[in-house]
Amino acid sequence: MAENKKENQNPEETGADLVVAGQTSTWLTENGFDNEALSPDVSNVEMIKVDAELLLPIATALYAYGYNYLQCQGAYDLGPGKELVSFYHLVKVADDVEEIEEVRLKVFLPRENPSVPSVYWIWKAADWQERESYDMYGIVYEGHPNLKRILMNEDWIGWPLRKDYVSPDFYELQDAY
């Protein structure tokens, strides 16, 4: 049975504050989906760490659980030599505005060959957002129907928003006119 990793650790042993699993993380754990509860953000949005290979099963389960809207997909770099993160901000859109629930999934990826399954087939809104994360950070979204650069030229070398990116001195435009 899957267990919520942070919930069962003694904070004195880890040197960290105890993170209590939120409603969605608890539901995932109860239904056999391995995940790790992270501290909520400043807006008190529940954050959950998932492994790349479990992203599609967990995303599918959350869609069935009512998270029918991918509000935002993005990525960021934890720093030179550190991991890249692909995140997914999901919302349960209901008739009653007071009942809206939010959760953010985070997938931590190795800097060398970062790859994660595309959630395009669950939420079509991921289309251009995953392409932007690919273009800026080099994260490959496996199964994406049209993963290619959308902001940089197709022949651009490197991933401009990575913290270890070295900007070229110039970019030669060929056949511009």
N, C-alpha and C. Protein backbone atom coordinates (compact mmCIF):
# COMPACT_ATOMS: atom_id res chain seq x y z
N MET A 1 0.85 -1.19 0.00
CA MET A 1 0.00 0.00 0.00
C MET A 1 0.89 1.24 0.00
N ALA A 2 0.52 2.22 -0.76
CA ALA A 2 1.29 3.45 -0.82
C ALA A 2 1.12 4.21 0.49
N GLU A 3 2.14 4.93 0.83
CA GLU A 3 2.04 5.74 2.05
C GLU A 3 2.51 7.14 1.76
N ASN A 4 2.00 8.07 2.52
CA ASN A 4 2.42 9.44 2.37
C ASN A 4 3.72 9.60 3.14
N LYS A 5 4.81 9.84 2.44
CA LYS A 5 6.15 9.80 3.00
C LYS A 5 6.36 10.81 4.12
N LYS A 6 6.03 12.07 3.88
CA LYS A 6 6.32 13.10 4.87
C LYS A 6 5.43 13.00 6.10
N GLU A 7 4.22 12.52 5.93
CA GLU A 7 3.26 12.49 7.02
C GLU A 7 3.75 11.58 8.16
N ASN A 8 4.48 10.52 7.84
CA ASN A 8 4.88 9.54 8.82
C ASN A 8 6.29 9.73 9.35
N GLN A 9 6.96 10.81 9.00
CA GLN A 9 8.32 11.03 9.46
C GLN A 9 8.32 11.93 10.69
N ASN A 10 9.26 11.66 11.58
CA ASN A 10 9.43 12.47 12.76
C ASN A 10 10.19 13.74 12.36
N PRO A 11 9.64 14.95 12.62
CA PRO A 11 10.31 16.17 12.19
C PRO A 11 11.65 16.37 12.87
N GLU A 12 11.84 15.83 14.10
CA GLU A 12 13.12 15.97 14.76
C GLU A 12 14.20 15.16 14.06
N GLU A 13 13.81 14.02 13.45
CA GLU A 13 14.76 13.18 12.73
C GLU A 13 15.14 13.79 11.40
N THR A 14 14.21 14.45 10.72
CA THR A 14 14.47 15.00 9.40
C THR A 14 14.97 16.43 9.45
N GLY A 15 14.80 17.11 10.56
CA GLY A 15 15.21 18.50 10.67
C GLY A 15 14.25 19.44 9.94
N ALA A 16 13.07 18.97 9.60
CA ALA A 16 12.09 19.77 8.88
C ALA A 16 10.79 19.83 9.66
N ASP A 17 9.97 20.79 9.30
CA ASP A 17 8.64 20.88 9.91
C ASP A 17 7.78 19.74 9.40
N LEU A 18 6.89 19.30 10.24
CA LEU A 18 5.97 18.23 9.86
C LEU A 18 4.97 18.76 8.83
N VAL A 19 4.84 18.05 7.73
CA VAL A 19 3.87 18.42 6.70
C VAL A 19 2.71 17.45 6.81
N VAL A 20 1.54 17.98 7.07
CA VAL A 20 0.34 17.16 7.18
C VAL A 20 -0.28 17.07 5.79
N ALA A 21 -0.57 15.86 5.38
CA ALA A 21 -1.15 15.65 4.05
C ALA A 21 -2.50 16.34 3.96
N GLY A 22 -2.74 16.97 2.83
CA GLY A 22 -4.02 17.61 2.58
C GLY A 22 -5.06 16.61 2.10
N GLN A 23 -6.22 17.12 1.80
CA GLN A 23 -7.36 16.28 1.40
C GLN A 23 -7.06 15.47 0.14
N THR A 24 -6.49 16.10 -0.87
CA THR A 24 -6.24 15.40 -2.13
C THR A 24 -5.12 14.39 -2.00
N SER A 25 -4.04 14.75 -1.30
CA SER A 25 -2.94 13.81 -1.07
C SER A 25 -3.42 12.59 -0.29
N THR A 26 -4.26 12.82 0.70
CA THR A 26 -4.82 11.73 1.50
C THR A 26 -5.70 10.84 0.63
N TRP A 27 -6.53 11.44 -0.23
CA TRP A 27 -7.37 10.66 -1.13
C TRP A 27 -6.53 9.80 -2.07
N LEU A 28 -5.46 10.39 -2.61
CA LEU A 28 -4.58 9.62 -3.49
C LEU A 28 -3.96 8.44 -2.75
N THR A 29 -3.47 8.68 -1.54
CA THR A 29 -2.84 7.62 -0.75
C THR A 29 -3.84 6.52 -0.44
N GLU A 30 -5.05 6.90 -0.03
CA GLU A 30 -6.09 5.92 0.29
C GLU A 30 -6.46 5.06 -0.92
N ASN A 31 -6.24 5.59 -2.12
CA ASN A 31 -6.58 4.86 -3.34
C ASN A 31 -5.36 4.23 -4.00
N GLY A 32 -4.26 4.13 -3.27
CA GLY A 32 -3.09 3.40 -3.74
C GLY A 32 -2.13 4.16 -4.63
N PHE A 33 -2.22 5.49 -4.66
CA PHE A 33 -1.31 6.29 -5.48
C PHE A 33 -0.21 6.88 -4.60
N ASP A 34 1.02 6.48 -4.86
CA ASP A 34 2.16 6.96 -4.10
C ASP A 34 2.40 8.43 -4.39
N ASN A 35 2.52 9.24 -3.37
CA ASN A 35 2.75 10.67 -3.51
C ASN A 35 3.40 11.18 -2.24
N GLU A 36 3.88 12.40 -2.28
CA GLU A 36 4.48 13.02 -1.11
C GLU A 36 3.87 14.41 -0.92
N ALA A 37 3.29 14.64 0.24
CA ALA A 37 2.71 15.95 0.54
C ALA A 37 3.84 16.95 0.76
N LEU A 38 3.71 18.11 0.14
CA LEU A 38 4.64 19.21 0.33
C LEU A 38 3.92 20.30 1.13
N SER A 39 4.66 21.23 1.67
CA SER A 39 4.04 22.34 2.39
C SER A 39 3.16 23.14 1.44
N PRO A 40 1.99 23.59 1.90
CA PRO A 40 1.15 24.41 1.03
C PRO A 40 1.84 25.72 0.69
N ASP A 41 1.43 26.34 -0.43
CA ASP A 41 2.03 27.61 -0.80
C ASP A 41 1.45 28.74 0.05
N VAL A 42 1.83 29.98 -0.25
CA VAL A 42 1.39 31.11 0.58
C VAL A 42 -0.11 31.35 0.50
N SER A 43 -0.76 30.86 -0.56
CA SER A 43 -2.22 30.97 -0.68
C SER A 43 -2.92 29.76 -0.11
N ASN A 44 -2.16 28.89 0.56
CA ASN A 44 -2.66 27.66 1.18
C ASN A 44 -3.17 26.64 0.16
N VAL A 45 -2.58 26.67 -1.04
CA VAL A 45 -2.91 25.66 -2.06
C VAL A 45 -2.09 24.41 -1.75
N GLU A 46 -2.78 23.27 -1.71
CA GLU A 46 -2.13 22.00 -1.43
C GLU A 46 -1.15 21.66 -2.56
N MET A 47 0.06 21.24 -2.18
CA MET A 47 1.07 20.85 -3.17
C MET A 47 1.49 19.41 -2.93
N ILE A 48 1.61 18.67 -4.05
CA ILE A 48 1.90 17.25 -3.97
C ILE A 48 3.03 16.92 -4.93
N LYS A 49 4.03 16.21 -4.42
CA LYS A 49 5.14 15.73 -5.25
C LYS A 49 4.80 14.34 -5.76
N VAL A 50 4.93 14.16 -7.09
CA VAL A 50 4.68 12.84 -7.69
C VAL A 50 5.87 12.47 -8.57
N ASP A 51 6.11 11.18 -8.71
CA ASP A 51 7.16 10.69 -9.60
C ASP A 51 6.69 10.80 -11.04
N ALA A 52 7.63 11.00 -11.95
CA ALA A 52 7.30 11.17 -13.36
C ALA A 52 6.52 9.98 -13.92
N GLU A 53 6.91 8.77 -13.53
CA GLU A 53 6.23 7.58 -14.07
C GLU A 53 4.82 7.42 -13.52
N LEU A 54 4.48 8.13 -12.43
CA LEU A 54 3.13 8.05 -11.86
C LEU A 54 2.26 9.24 -12.24
N LEU A 55 2.82 10.19 -12.99
CA LEU A 55 2.05 11.40 -13.31
C LEU A 55 0.76 11.09 -14.06
N LEU A 56 0.81 10.28 -15.11
CA LEU A 56 -0.42 10.00 -15.88
C LEU A 56 -1.47 9.28 -15.06
N PRO A 57 -1.13 8.21 -14.32
CA PRO A 57 -2.18 7.58 -13.51
C PRO A 57 -2.76 8.53 -12.46
N ILE A 58 -1.91 9.33 -11.83
CA ILE A 58 -2.40 10.26 -10.81
C ILE A 58 -3.23 11.37 -11.45
N ALA A 59 -2.78 11.92 -12.58
CA ALA A 59 -3.54 12.97 -13.26
C ALA A 59 -4.90 12.44 -13.72
N THR A 60 -4.91 11.22 -14.22
CA THR A 60 -6.18 10.62 -14.66
C THR A 60 -7.12 10.44 -13.47
N ALA A 61 -6.58 9.97 -12.35
CA ALA A 61 -7.39 9.80 -11.14
C ALA A 61 -7.93 11.14 -10.64
N LEU A 62 -7.10 12.17 -10.66
CA LEU A 62 -7.55 13.49 -10.21
C LEU A 62 -8.61 14.07 -11.14
N TYR A 63 -8.48 13.80 -12.43
CA TYR A 63 -9.52 14.24 -13.38
C TYR A 63 -10.85 13.57 -13.02
N ALA A 64 -10.80 12.27 -12.76
CA ALA A 64 -12.01 11.54 -12.37
C ALA A 64 -12.53 12.01 -11.02
N TYR A 65 -11.63 12.48 -10.15
CA TYR A 65 -11.99 12.96 -8.81
C TYR A 65 -12.62 14.35 -8.89
N GLY A 66 -12.57 15.00 -10.05
CA GLY A 66 -13.23 16.28 -10.22
C GLY A 66 -12.34 17.44 -10.62
N TYR A 67 -11.04 17.22 -10.69
CA TYR A 67 -10.13 18.30 -11.12
C TYR A 67 -10.19 18.38 -12.64
N ASN A 68 -11.17 19.14 -13.13
CA ASN A 68 -11.48 19.16 -14.55
C ASN A 68 -10.84 20.32 -15.31
N TYR A 69 -10.01 21.11 -14.64
CA TYR A 69 -9.43 22.28 -15.28
C TYR A 69 -7.95 22.40 -14.94
N LEU A 70 -7.11 22.39 -15.96
CA LEU A 70 -5.68 22.65 -15.80
C LEU A 70 -5.50 24.15 -15.95
N GLN A 71 -5.37 24.84 -14.82
CA GLN A 71 -5.27 26.29 -14.86
C GLN A 71 -3.90 26.74 -15.38
N CYS A 72 -2.87 26.00 -15.01
CA CYS A 72 -1.53 26.39 -15.40
C CYS A 72 -0.61 25.18 -15.38
N GLN A 73 0.22 25.07 -16.38
CA GLN A 73 1.33 24.11 -16.38
C GLN A 73 2.56 24.94 -16.66
N GLY A 74 3.60 24.67 -15.93
CA GLY A 74 4.84 25.41 -16.14
C GLY A 74 6.02 24.63 -15.63
N ALA A 75 7.16 25.30 -15.63
CA ALA A 75 8.38 24.65 -15.17
C ALA A 75 9.28 25.70 -14.53
N TYR A 76 10.24 25.24 -13.75
CA TYR A 76 11.27 26.11 -13.22
C TYR A 76 12.51 25.30 -12.90
N ASP A 77 13.59 26.01 -12.72
CA ASP A 77 14.91 25.42 -12.49
C ASP A 77 15.31 25.69 -11.05
N LEU A 78 15.71 24.64 -10.33
CA LEU A 78 16.13 24.81 -8.93
C LEU A 78 17.55 25.34 -8.81
N GLY A 79 18.27 25.44 -9.92
CA GLY A 79 19.62 26.01 -9.90
C GLY A 79 20.60 25.13 -10.64
N PRO A 80 21.77 25.68 -10.96
CA PRO A 80 22.78 24.92 -11.69
C PRO A 80 23.11 23.61 -10.99
N GLY A 81 23.05 22.52 -11.74
CA GLY A 81 23.35 21.21 -11.19
C GLY A 81 22.20 20.58 -10.42
N LYS A 82 21.13 21.31 -10.23
CA LYS A 82 19.98 20.79 -9.48
C LYS A 82 18.87 20.37 -10.44
N GLU A 83 17.76 19.94 -9.87
CA GLU A 83 16.66 19.41 -10.67
C GLU A 83 15.84 20.51 -11.36
N LEU A 84 15.11 20.08 -12.38
CA LEU A 84 14.09 20.90 -13.02
C LEU A 84 12.74 20.43 -12.49
N VAL A 85 11.78 21.32 -12.43
CA VAL A 85 10.46 20.98 -11.90
C VAL A 85 9.39 21.33 -12.93
N SER A 86 8.54 20.36 -13.21
CA SER A 86 7.36 20.60 -14.04
C SER A 86 6.17 20.58 -13.09
N PHE A 87 5.35 21.65 -13.12
CA PHE A 87 4.23 21.70 -12.19
C PHE A 87 2.91 21.85 -12.94
N TYR A 88 1.84 21.45 -12.25
CA TYR A 88 0.49 21.43 -12.82
C TYR A 88 -0.47 21.96 -11.76
N HIS A 89 -1.10 23.11 -12.04
CA HIS A 89 -2.05 23.70 -11.10
C HIS A 89 -3.45 23.30 -11.57
N LEU A 90 -4.10 22.44 -10.78
CA LEU A 90 -5.40 21.88 -11.13
C LEU A 90 -6.50 22.50 -10.28
N VAL A 91 -7.68 22.64 -10.89
CA VAL A 91 -8.82 23.26 -10.21
C VAL A 91 -10.06 22.39 -10.43
N LYS A 92 -10.84 22.23 -9.34
CA LYS A 92 -12.17 21.64 -9.47
C LYS A 92 -13.12 22.79 -9.70
N VAL A 93 -13.64 22.88 -10.90
CA VAL A 93 -14.57 23.95 -11.22
C VAL A 93 -15.97 23.42 -10.96
N ALA A 94 -16.67 24.10 -10.06
CA ALA A 94 -18.01 23.67 -9.68
C ALA A 94 -19.00 24.81 -9.95
N ASP A 95 -20.27 24.50 -9.83
CA ASP A 95 -21.30 25.52 -10.03
C ASP A 95 -21.22 26.60 -8.96
N ASP A 96 -20.90 26.18 -7.74
CA ASP A 96 -20.80 27.12 -6.62
C ASP A 96 -19.36 27.60 -6.49
N VAL A 97 -19.16 28.90 -6.70
CA VAL A 97 -17.81 29.46 -6.66
C VAL A 97 -17.14 29.24 -5.31
N GLU A 98 -17.91 29.15 -4.26
CA GLU A 98 -17.36 28.95 -2.92
C GLU A 98 -16.73 27.57 -2.74
N GLU A 99 -17.07 26.61 -3.61
CA GLU A 99 -16.60 25.25 -3.46
C GLU A 99 -15.40 24.90 -4.35
N ILE A 100 -14.77 25.89 -4.96
CA ILE A 100 -13.64 25.62 -5.84
C ILE A 100 -12.46 25.10 -5.02
N GLU A 101 -11.87 24.00 -5.48
CA GLU A 101 -10.69 23.42 -4.84
C GLU A 101 -9.52 23.48 -5.79
N GLU A 102 -8.32 23.68 -5.25
CA GLU A 102 -7.11 23.76 -6.05
C GLU A 102 -6.07 22.81 -5.49
N VAL A 103 -5.22 22.30 -6.37
CA VAL A 103 -4.08 21.48 -5.96
C VAL A 103 -2.99 21.69 -7.00
N ARG A 104 -1.74 21.58 -6.57
CA ARG A 104 -0.62 21.71 -7.49
C ARG A 104 0.25 20.47 -7.41
N LEU A 105 0.44 19.81 -8.56
CA LEU A 105 1.33 18.67 -8.65
C LEU A 105 2.70 19.14 -9.09
N LYS A 106 3.74 18.55 -8.49
CA LYS A 106 5.10 18.89 -8.89
C LYS A 106 5.86 17.60 -9.20
N VAL A 107 6.54 17.62 -10.35
CA VAL A 107 7.36 16.49 -10.76
C VAL A 107 8.80 16.99 -10.85
N PHE A 108 9.68 16.43 -10.03
CA PHE A 108 11.08 16.81 -10.00
C PHE A 108 11.83 15.92 -10.98
N LEU A 109 12.57 16.53 -11.91
CA LEU A 109 13.20 15.81 -13.00
C LEU A 109 14.71 16.02 -13.01
N PRO A 110 15.46 15.00 -13.43
CA PRO A 110 16.91 15.17 -13.51
C PRO A 110 17.27 16.19 -14.59
N ARG A 111 18.31 16.93 -14.36
CA ARG A 111 18.74 17.96 -15.29
C ARG A 111 19.16 17.36 -16.64
N GLU A 112 19.81 16.22 -16.59
CA GLU A 112 20.22 15.53 -17.81
C GLU A 112 19.04 14.68 -18.27
N ASN A 113 18.59 14.92 -19.48
CA ASN A 113 17.49 14.16 -20.07
C ASN A 113 16.18 14.23 -19.26
N PRO A 114 15.68 15.43 -18.98
CA PRO A 114 14.41 15.55 -18.25
C PRO A 114 13.24 15.14 -19.14
N SER A 115 12.47 14.19 -18.68
CA SER A 115 11.36 13.67 -19.48
C SER A 115 10.20 13.30 -18.57
N VAL A 116 9.00 13.64 -19.01
CA VAL A 116 7.78 13.36 -18.24
C VAL A 116 6.65 13.14 -19.25
N PRO A 117 5.67 12.30 -18.93
CA PRO A 117 4.55 12.11 -19.86
C PRO A 117 3.73 13.40 -20.02
N SER A 118 3.22 13.61 -21.20
CA SER A 118 2.36 14.75 -21.47
C SER A 118 0.96 14.50 -20.90
N VAL A 119 0.37 15.54 -20.33
CA VAL A 119 -1.01 15.44 -19.85
C VAL A 119 -1.99 16.03 -20.86
N TYR A 120 -1.50 16.29 -22.07
CA TYR A 120 -2.34 16.85 -23.13
C TYR A 120 -3.60 16.03 -23.36
N TRP A 121 -3.49 14.73 -23.27
CA TRP A 121 -4.63 13.86 -23.57
C TRP A 121 -5.67 13.89 -22.46
N ILE A 122 -5.33 14.46 -21.30
CA ILE A 122 -6.29 14.62 -20.21
C ILE A 122 -6.87 16.04 -20.22
N TRP A 123 -5.97 17.02 -20.30
CA TRP A 123 -6.36 18.44 -20.35
C TRP A 123 -5.73 19.06 -21.60
N LYS A 124 -6.54 19.41 -22.55
CA LYS A 124 -6.04 19.99 -23.80
C LYS A 124 -5.32 21.32 -23.56
N ALA A 125 -5.60 21.98 -22.46
CA ALA A 125 -4.94 23.25 -22.13
C ALA A 125 -3.43 23.08 -21.97
N ALA A 126 -2.96 21.86 -21.80
CA ALA A 126 -1.53 21.62 -21.63
C ALA A 126 -0.75 21.80 -22.93
N ASP A 127 -1.42 21.89 -24.06
CA ASP A 127 -0.77 21.91 -25.37
C ASP A 127 0.36 22.96 -25.44
N TRP A 128 0.01 24.21 -25.44
CA TRP A 128 1.02 25.26 -25.60
C TRP A 128 1.85 25.45 -24.33
N GLN A 129 1.27 25.15 -23.18
CA GLN A 129 2.01 25.31 -21.94
C GLN A 129 3.17 24.32 -21.86
N GLU A 130 2.94 23.06 -22.25
CA GLU A 130 4.03 22.08 -22.26
C GLU A 130 5.06 22.45 -23.33
N ARG A 131 4.61 22.99 -24.44
CA ARG A 131 5.55 23.41 -25.48
C ARG A 131 6.44 24.55 -24.99
N GLU A 132 5.88 25.46 -24.23
CA GLU A 132 6.68 26.56 -23.68
C GLU A 132 7.71 26.03 -22.68
N SER A 133 7.30 25.09 -21.82
CA SER A 133 8.24 24.50 -20.86
C SER A 133 9.35 23.75 -21.58
N TYR A 134 9.00 23.08 -22.67
CA TYR A 134 10.02 22.40 -23.48
C TYR A 134 10.97 23.42 -24.07
N ASP A 135 10.42 24.48 -24.65
CA ASP A 135 11.22 25.50 -25.33
C ASP A 135 12.18 26.22 -24.40
N MET A 136 11.74 26.51 -23.19
CA MET A 136 12.55 27.30 -22.27
C MET A 136 13.46 26.46 -21.36
N TYR A 137 13.05 25.23 -21.02
CA TYR A 137 13.80 24.41 -20.06
C TYR A 137 14.31 23.08 -20.63
N GLY A 138 13.83 22.68 -21.79
CA GLY A 138 14.27 21.42 -22.38
C GLY A 138 13.62 20.18 -21.81
N ILE A 139 12.50 20.33 -21.12
CA ILE A 139 11.79 19.18 -20.58
C ILE A 139 10.99 18.54 -21.72
N VAL A 140 11.21 17.25 -21.94
CA VAL A 140 10.52 16.54 -23.01
C VAL A 140 9.21 15.97 -22.45
N TYR A 141 8.10 16.33 -23.08
CA TYR A 141 6.78 15.84 -22.68
C TYR A 141 6.40 14.71 -23.62
N GLU A 142 6.67 13.49 -23.18
CA GLU A 142 6.45 12.30 -24.01
C GLU A 142 4.97 12.15 -24.35
N GLY A 143 4.71 11.91 -25.63
CA GLY A 143 3.34 11.73 -26.08
C GLY A 143 2.65 13.01 -26.50
N HIS A 144 3.33 14.15 -26.39
CA HIS A 144 2.74 15.42 -26.82
C HIS A 144 2.60 15.38 -28.34
N PRO A 145 1.46 15.84 -28.89
CA PRO A 145 1.23 15.70 -30.33
C PRO A 145 2.09 16.61 -31.22
N ASN A 146 2.66 17.68 -30.68
CA ASN A 146 3.42 18.61 -31.52
C ASN A 146 4.47 19.34 -30.69
N LEU A 147 5.35 18.60 -30.06
CA LEU A 147 6.35 19.21 -29.17
C LEU A 147 7.47 19.83 -30.00
N LYS A 148 7.43 21.14 -30.10
CA LYS A 148 8.48 21.88 -30.80
C LYS A 148 8.54 23.28 -30.22
N ARG A 149 9.59 23.97 -30.57
CA ARG A 149 9.77 25.33 -30.04
C ARG A 149 8.65 26.26 -30.51
N ILE A 150 8.25 27.16 -29.61
CA ILE A 150 7.23 28.13 -29.99
C ILE A 150 7.68 29.57 -29.74
N LEU A 151 8.71 29.76 -28.91
CA LEU A 151 9.20 31.11 -28.62
C LEU A 151 10.56 31.38 -29.27
N MET A 152 11.41 30.39 -29.26
CA MET A 152 12.75 30.52 -29.84
C MET A 152 12.72 29.97 -31.26
N ASN A 153 13.69 30.39 -32.07
CA ASN A 153 13.80 29.84 -33.42
C ASN A 153 14.05 28.34 -33.33
N GLU A 154 13.59 27.60 -34.31
CA GLU A 154 13.70 26.13 -34.29
C GLU A 154 15.15 25.66 -34.20
N ASP A 155 16.10 26.44 -34.72
CA ASP A 155 17.50 26.02 -34.70
C ASP A 155 18.27 26.56 -33.49
N TRP A 156 17.54 27.15 -32.54
CA TRP A 156 18.18 27.70 -31.34
C TRP A 156 18.80 26.57 -30.54
N ILE A 157 19.99 26.79 -30.02
CA ILE A 157 20.68 25.78 -29.22
C ILE A 157 20.61 26.18 -27.75
N GLY A 158 20.12 25.27 -26.92
CA GLY A 158 20.06 25.51 -25.49
C GLY A 158 18.66 25.84 -25.00
N TRP A 159 18.58 26.04 -23.68
CA TRP A 159 17.30 26.25 -22.99
C TRP A 159 17.41 27.54 -22.19
N PRO A 160 16.91 28.66 -22.74
CA PRO A 160 17.18 30.00 -22.21
C PRO A 160 16.81 30.27 -20.75
N LEU A 161 15.84 29.57 -20.16
CA LEU A 161 15.47 29.89 -18.78
C LEU A 161 16.16 29.00 -17.74
N ARG A 162 17.00 28.09 -18.20
CA ARG A 162 17.79 27.33 -17.24
C ARG A 162 18.82 28.26 -16.61
N LYS A 163 19.05 28.10 -15.34
CA LYS A 163 19.93 29.01 -14.61
C LYS A 163 21.39 28.87 -15.00
N ASP A 164 21.76 27.77 -15.67
CA ASP A 164 23.14 27.61 -16.12
C ASP A 164 23.30 27.92 -17.61
N TYR A 165 22.28 28.50 -18.22
CA TYR A 165 22.33 28.82 -19.66
C TYR A 165 23.28 29.99 -19.88
N VAL A 166 24.12 29.86 -20.88
CA VAL A 166 25.02 30.94 -21.27
C VAL A 166 24.51 31.51 -22.58
N SER A 167 24.14 32.77 -22.54
CA SER A 167 23.58 33.43 -23.71
C SER A 167 24.67 33.62 -24.76
N PRO A 168 24.36 33.30 -26.03
CA PRO A 168 25.37 33.49 -27.08
C PRO A 168 25.65 34.97 -27.31
N ASP A 169 26.84 35.26 -27.81
CA ASP A 169 27.19 36.65 -28.09
C ASP A 169 26.31 37.26 -29.17
N PHE A 170 25.91 36.43 -30.11
CA PHE A 170 25.03 36.91 -31.17
C PHE A 170 24.28 35.71 -31.75
N TYR A 171 23.22 36.02 -32.45
CA TYR A 171 22.47 34.99 -33.17
C TYR A 171 22.39 35.44 -34.61
N GLU A 172 22.94 34.63 -35.49
CA GLU A 172 22.98 34.99 -36.90
C GLU A 172 21.68 34.60 -37.59
N LEU A 173 20.99 35.59 -38.10
CA LEU A 173 19.78 35.31 -38.88
C LEU A 173 20.19 34.98 -40.30
N GLN A 174 19.76 33.86 -40.78
CA GLN A 174 20.09 33.46 -42.15
C GLN A 174 18.84 33.55 -43.02
N ASP A 175 19.01 34.04 -44.21
CA ASP A 175 17.90 34.20 -45.15
C ASP A 175 16.77 35.01 -44.54
N ALA A 176 17.12 36.06 -43.80
CA ALA A 176 16.11 36.89 -43.18
C ALA A 176 15.32 37.71 -44.19
N TYR A 177 15.95 38.01 -45.33
CA TYR A 177 15.27 38.85 -46.32
C TYR A 177 15.17 38.12 -47.62
